[in-house]
Amino acid sequence: MSDKKWQPGKKDAVFAAVVIAVIVLLVLGSSERTTKPTPDDAVHRTAISHETCMQCHGADGVRPQPLGHASSTQCFQCHTQPKGWLGVAK
């Protein structure tokens, strides 16, 4: 057997940097979403479906979704419901 001791090299440093980068990305990607809650008013307390939301937030509505908004049909997956909401809570 050889008495050589292991010494980290350039490949080991690159590997460690990649592992650290992946861990950082996973931690940052798993943080709580920062979407806007729905306003606490009578209109939003009764909005219980995507179709109801799109009456105002569709392309022709009074307050259309901003450009780049996710094209999901589950509004309350991201946006929190107001107090007294009439739908099924998360």
N, C-alpha and C. Protein backbone atom coordinates (compact mmCIF):
# COMPACT_ATOMS: atom_id res chain seq x y z
N MET A 1 0.83 -1.19 0.00
CA MET A 1 0.00 0.00 0.00
C MET A 1 0.87 1.25 0.00
N SER A 2 0.28 2.27 -0.54
CA SER A 2 1.00 3.54 -0.62
C SER A 2 0.65 4.40 0.59
N ASP A 3 1.58 5.21 1.01
CA ASP A 3 1.37 6.10 2.14
C ASP A 3 0.89 7.48 1.69
N LYS A 4 0.45 7.59 0.43
CA LYS A 4 -0.02 8.88 -0.08
C LYS A 4 -1.34 9.26 0.60
N LYS A 5 -1.43 10.50 0.99
CA LYS A 5 -2.66 11.02 1.57
C LYS A 5 -3.45 11.73 0.48
N TRP A 6 -4.77 11.66 0.60
CA TRP A 6 -5.61 12.33 -0.38
C TRP A 6 -5.51 13.84 -0.22
N GLN A 7 -5.36 14.51 -1.35
CA GLN A 7 -5.34 15.97 -1.35
C GLN A 7 -6.32 16.45 -2.41
N PRO A 8 -7.20 17.37 -2.02
CA PRO A 8 -8.19 17.85 -2.99
C PRO A 8 -7.52 18.55 -4.17
N GLY A 9 -8.10 18.31 -5.33
CA GLY A 9 -7.58 18.94 -6.55
C GLY A 9 -8.62 19.87 -7.15
N LYS A 10 -8.33 20.31 -8.36
CA LYS A 10 -9.20 21.25 -9.06
C LYS A 10 -10.58 20.62 -9.33
N LYS A 11 -10.60 19.35 -9.73
CA LYS A 11 -11.88 18.67 -10.01
C LYS A 11 -12.73 18.58 -8.74
N ASP A 12 -12.10 18.37 -7.60
CA ASP A 12 -12.84 18.30 -6.34
C ASP A 12 -13.47 19.65 -6.00
N ALA A 13 -12.75 20.72 -6.26
CA ALA A 13 -13.27 22.06 -5.99
C ALA A 13 -14.45 22.38 -6.90
N VAL A 14 -14.34 21.99 -8.17
CA VAL A 14 -15.44 22.22 -9.12
C VAL A 14 -16.67 21.41 -8.69
N PHE A 15 -16.47 20.16 -8.31
CA PHE A 15 -17.57 19.32 -7.85
C PHE A 15 -18.24 19.94 -6.62
N ALA A 16 -17.46 20.38 -5.66
CA ALA A 16 -18.01 21.00 -4.44
C ALA A 16 -18.79 22.26 -4.79
N ALA A 17 -18.29 23.06 -5.73
CA ALA A 17 -18.98 24.29 -6.13
C ALA A 17 -20.32 23.97 -6.78
N VAL A 18 -20.36 22.93 -7.60
CA VAL A 18 -21.61 22.53 -8.26
C VAL A 18 -22.62 22.04 -7.21
N VAL A 19 -22.18 21.24 -6.27
CA VAL A 19 -23.07 20.74 -5.22
C VAL A 19 -23.62 21.90 -4.40
N ILE A 20 -22.79 22.85 -4.04
CA ILE A 20 -23.24 24.02 -3.27
C ILE A 20 -24.23 24.84 -4.07
N ALA A 21 -23.96 25.03 -5.37
CA ALA A 21 -24.87 25.80 -6.22
C ALA A 21 -26.23 25.13 -6.31
N VAL A 22 -26.27 23.82 -6.45
CA VAL A 22 -27.54 23.09 -6.52
C VAL A 22 -28.31 23.24 -5.21
N ILE A 23 -27.63 23.12 -4.10
CA ILE A 23 -28.28 23.26 -2.79
C ILE A 23 -28.86 24.66 -2.62
N VAL A 24 -28.09 25.68 -3.00
CA VAL A 24 -28.57 27.07 -2.89
C VAL A 24 -29.81 27.27 -3.77
N LEU A 25 -29.79 26.76 -5.00
CA LEU A 25 -30.94 26.90 -5.89
C LEU A 25 -32.17 26.19 -5.33
N LEU A 26 -31.97 25.02 -4.75
CA LEU A 26 -33.10 24.31 -4.16
C LEU A 26 -33.69 25.06 -2.97
N VAL A 27 -32.84 25.62 -2.16
CA VAL A 27 -33.32 26.38 -0.99
C VAL A 27 -34.06 27.63 -1.44
N LEU A 28 -33.49 28.36 -2.39
CA LEU A 28 -34.13 29.59 -2.86
C LEU A 28 -35.43 29.29 -3.60
N GLY A 29 -35.47 28.20 -4.34
CA GLY A 29 -36.65 27.84 -5.10
C GLY A 29 -37.79 27.32 -4.25
N SER A 30 -37.51 26.93 -3.03
CA SER A 30 -38.56 26.37 -2.18
C SER A 30 -39.12 27.39 -1.20
N SER A 31 -38.75 28.64 -1.34
CA SER A 31 -39.25 29.65 -0.41
C SER A 31 -40.73 29.94 -0.68
N GLU A 32 -41.39 30.53 0.27
CA GLU A 32 -42.80 30.85 0.17
C GLU A 32 -43.03 31.84 -0.98
N ARG A 33 -44.09 31.61 -1.72
CA ARG A 33 -44.42 32.52 -2.83
C ARG A 33 -44.82 33.87 -2.28
N THR A 34 -44.56 34.90 -3.08
CA THR A 34 -44.88 36.26 -2.64
C THR A 34 -45.93 36.88 -3.56
N THR A 35 -46.98 36.13 -3.87
CA THR A 35 -48.03 36.66 -4.71
C THR A 35 -48.95 37.55 -3.88
N LYS A 36 -49.68 38.38 -4.58
CA LYS A 36 -50.60 39.29 -3.90
C LYS A 36 -51.82 38.53 -3.39
N PRO A 37 -52.26 38.84 -2.17
CA PRO A 37 -53.51 38.23 -1.70
C PRO A 37 -54.68 38.89 -2.42
N THR A 38 -55.80 38.22 -2.44
CA THR A 38 -56.98 38.84 -3.03
C THR A 38 -57.51 39.90 -2.07
N PRO A 39 -58.09 40.97 -2.57
CA PRO A 39 -58.64 41.99 -1.68
C PRO A 39 -59.76 41.41 -0.82
N ASP A 40 -59.91 41.96 0.36
CA ASP A 40 -60.95 41.50 1.28
C ASP A 40 -62.20 42.35 1.07
N ASP A 41 -62.95 42.01 0.02
CA ASP A 41 -64.21 42.72 -0.26
C ASP A 41 -65.25 41.70 -0.70
N ALA A 42 -66.50 42.16 -0.85
CA ALA A 42 -67.62 41.26 -1.17
C ALA A 42 -67.41 40.53 -2.50
N VAL A 43 -66.86 41.21 -3.48
CA VAL A 43 -66.65 40.58 -4.79
C VAL A 43 -65.67 39.42 -4.68
N HIS A 44 -64.56 39.62 -4.00
CA HIS A 44 -63.54 38.58 -3.91
C HIS A 44 -63.92 37.46 -2.93
N ARG A 45 -64.75 37.76 -1.95
CA ARG A 45 -65.19 36.71 -1.02
C ARG A 45 -66.12 35.72 -1.72
N THR A 46 -66.77 36.15 -2.80
CA THR A 46 -67.70 35.26 -3.51
C THR A 46 -67.10 34.66 -4.77
N ALA A 47 -65.87 35.01 -5.12
CA ALA A 47 -65.21 34.45 -6.31
C ALA A 47 -64.68 33.06 -5.95
N ILE A 48 -65.35 32.03 -6.48
CA ILE A 48 -64.96 30.67 -6.10
C ILE A 48 -64.49 29.83 -7.29
N SER A 49 -64.36 30.43 -8.46
CA SER A 49 -63.91 29.66 -9.62
C SER A 49 -63.05 30.53 -10.53
N HIS A 50 -62.31 29.89 -11.39
CA HIS A 50 -61.48 30.59 -12.37
C HIS A 50 -62.35 31.47 -13.27
N GLU A 51 -63.50 30.95 -13.66
CA GLU A 51 -64.40 31.71 -14.53
C GLU A 51 -64.86 33.00 -13.86
N THR A 52 -65.15 32.92 -12.57
CA THR A 52 -65.57 34.11 -11.83
C THR A 52 -64.44 35.14 -11.82
N CYS A 53 -63.21 34.68 -11.59
CA CYS A 53 -62.06 35.60 -11.56
C CYS A 53 -61.85 36.25 -12.93
N MET A 54 -62.03 35.45 -14.00
CA MET A 54 -61.75 35.96 -15.35
C MET A 54 -62.77 36.98 -15.83
N GLN A 55 -63.93 37.08 -15.14
CA GLN A 55 -64.90 38.11 -15.52
C GLN A 55 -64.27 39.49 -15.40
N CYS A 56 -63.43 39.69 -14.40
CA CYS A 56 -62.74 40.97 -14.22
C CYS A 56 -61.29 40.92 -14.68
N HIS A 57 -60.63 39.75 -14.50
CA HIS A 57 -59.20 39.65 -14.74
C HIS A 57 -58.84 39.03 -16.08
N GLY A 58 -59.85 38.78 -16.94
CA GLY A 58 -59.60 38.29 -18.29
C GLY A 58 -59.11 39.44 -19.16
N ALA A 59 -58.74 39.12 -20.39
CA ALA A 59 -58.17 40.13 -21.31
C ALA A 59 -59.11 41.32 -21.53
N ASP A 60 -60.42 41.09 -21.50
CA ASP A 60 -61.39 42.17 -21.72
C ASP A 60 -62.00 42.69 -20.43
N GLY A 61 -61.50 42.25 -19.29
CA GLY A 61 -62.05 42.66 -18.00
C GLY A 61 -61.59 44.04 -17.57
N VAL A 62 -62.14 44.52 -16.46
CA VAL A 62 -61.79 45.83 -15.94
C VAL A 62 -60.36 45.88 -15.38
N ARG A 63 -59.86 44.74 -14.95
CA ARG A 63 -58.49 44.69 -14.43
C ARG A 63 -57.82 43.40 -14.91
N PRO A 64 -57.38 43.40 -16.19
CA PRO A 64 -56.78 42.19 -16.76
C PRO A 64 -55.50 41.78 -16.03
N GLN A 65 -55.20 40.49 -16.11
CA GLN A 65 -53.96 39.99 -15.53
C GLN A 65 -52.77 40.68 -16.21
N PRO A 66 -51.68 40.92 -15.47
CA PRO A 66 -50.51 41.56 -16.08
C PRO A 66 -49.83 40.63 -17.09
N LEU A 67 -49.08 41.22 -17.99
CA LEU A 67 -48.31 40.43 -18.95
C LEU A 67 -47.38 39.50 -18.20
N GLY A 68 -47.26 38.27 -18.67
CA GLY A 68 -46.37 37.32 -18.03
C GLY A 68 -47.00 36.57 -16.87
N HIS A 69 -48.26 36.84 -16.58
CA HIS A 69 -48.94 36.14 -15.49
C HIS A 69 -49.07 34.67 -15.86
N ALA A 70 -48.90 33.79 -14.89
CA ALA A 70 -49.03 32.35 -15.13
C ALA A 70 -50.41 32.04 -15.69
N SER A 71 -50.45 31.09 -16.61
CA SER A 71 -51.74 30.75 -17.23
C SER A 71 -52.36 29.56 -16.53
N SER A 72 -52.56 29.68 -15.24
CA SER A 72 -53.17 28.62 -14.44
C SER A 72 -54.67 28.85 -14.33
N THR A 73 -55.40 27.77 -14.16
CA THR A 73 -56.84 27.90 -13.96
C THR A 73 -57.18 27.76 -12.48
N GLN A 74 -56.18 27.73 -11.63
CA GLN A 74 -56.39 27.59 -10.18
C GLN A 74 -55.85 28.83 -9.48
N CYS A 75 -56.64 29.88 -9.50
CA CYS A 75 -56.21 31.18 -8.96
C CYS A 75 -55.74 31.10 -7.51
N PHE A 76 -56.48 30.32 -6.70
CA PHE A 76 -56.19 30.28 -5.27
C PHE A 76 -55.07 29.31 -4.90
N GLN A 77 -54.42 28.76 -5.91
CA GLN A 77 -53.21 27.98 -5.65
C GLN A 77 -52.08 28.94 -5.28
N CYS A 78 -52.12 30.14 -5.83
CA CYS A 78 -51.09 31.15 -5.54
C CYS A 78 -51.63 32.29 -4.67
N HIS A 79 -52.80 32.81 -5.02
CA HIS A 79 -53.36 33.95 -4.31
C HIS A 79 -54.13 33.47 -3.08
N THR A 80 -53.91 34.14 -1.95
CA THR A 80 -54.61 33.75 -0.72
C THR A 80 -56.03 34.30 -0.71
N GLN A 81 -56.91 33.56 -0.09
CA GLN A 81 -58.30 33.95 -0.02
C GLN A 81 -58.52 34.98 1.08
N PRO A 82 -59.49 35.88 0.88
CA PRO A 82 -59.80 36.86 1.94
C PRO A 82 -60.55 36.19 3.10
N LYS A 83 -60.57 36.85 4.23
CA LYS A 83 -61.34 36.34 5.38
C LYS A 83 -62.80 36.27 5.01
N GLY A 84 -63.46 35.24 5.43
CA GLY A 84 -64.88 35.09 5.12
C GLY A 84 -65.13 34.57 3.72
N TRP A 85 -64.12 34.02 3.08
CA TRP A 85 -64.25 33.50 1.72
C TRP A 85 -65.26 32.37 1.68
N LEU A 86 -66.10 32.33 0.66
CA LEU A 86 -67.18 31.35 0.59
C LEU A 86 -66.77 30.03 -0.06
N GLY A 87 -65.58 29.96 -0.64
CA GLY A 87 -65.13 28.72 -1.27
C GLY A 87 -64.50 27.77 -0.27
N VAL A 88 -63.92 26.71 -0.78
CA VAL A 88 -63.25 25.72 0.08
C VAL A 88 -61.84 26.18 0.34
N ALA A 89 -61.44 26.28 1.60
CA ALA A 89 -60.11 26.75 1.97
C ALA A 89 -59.05 25.73 1.60
N LYS A 90 -57.82 26.23 1.43
CA LYS A 90 -56.68 25.36 1.10
C LYS A 90 -56.45 24.36 2.19
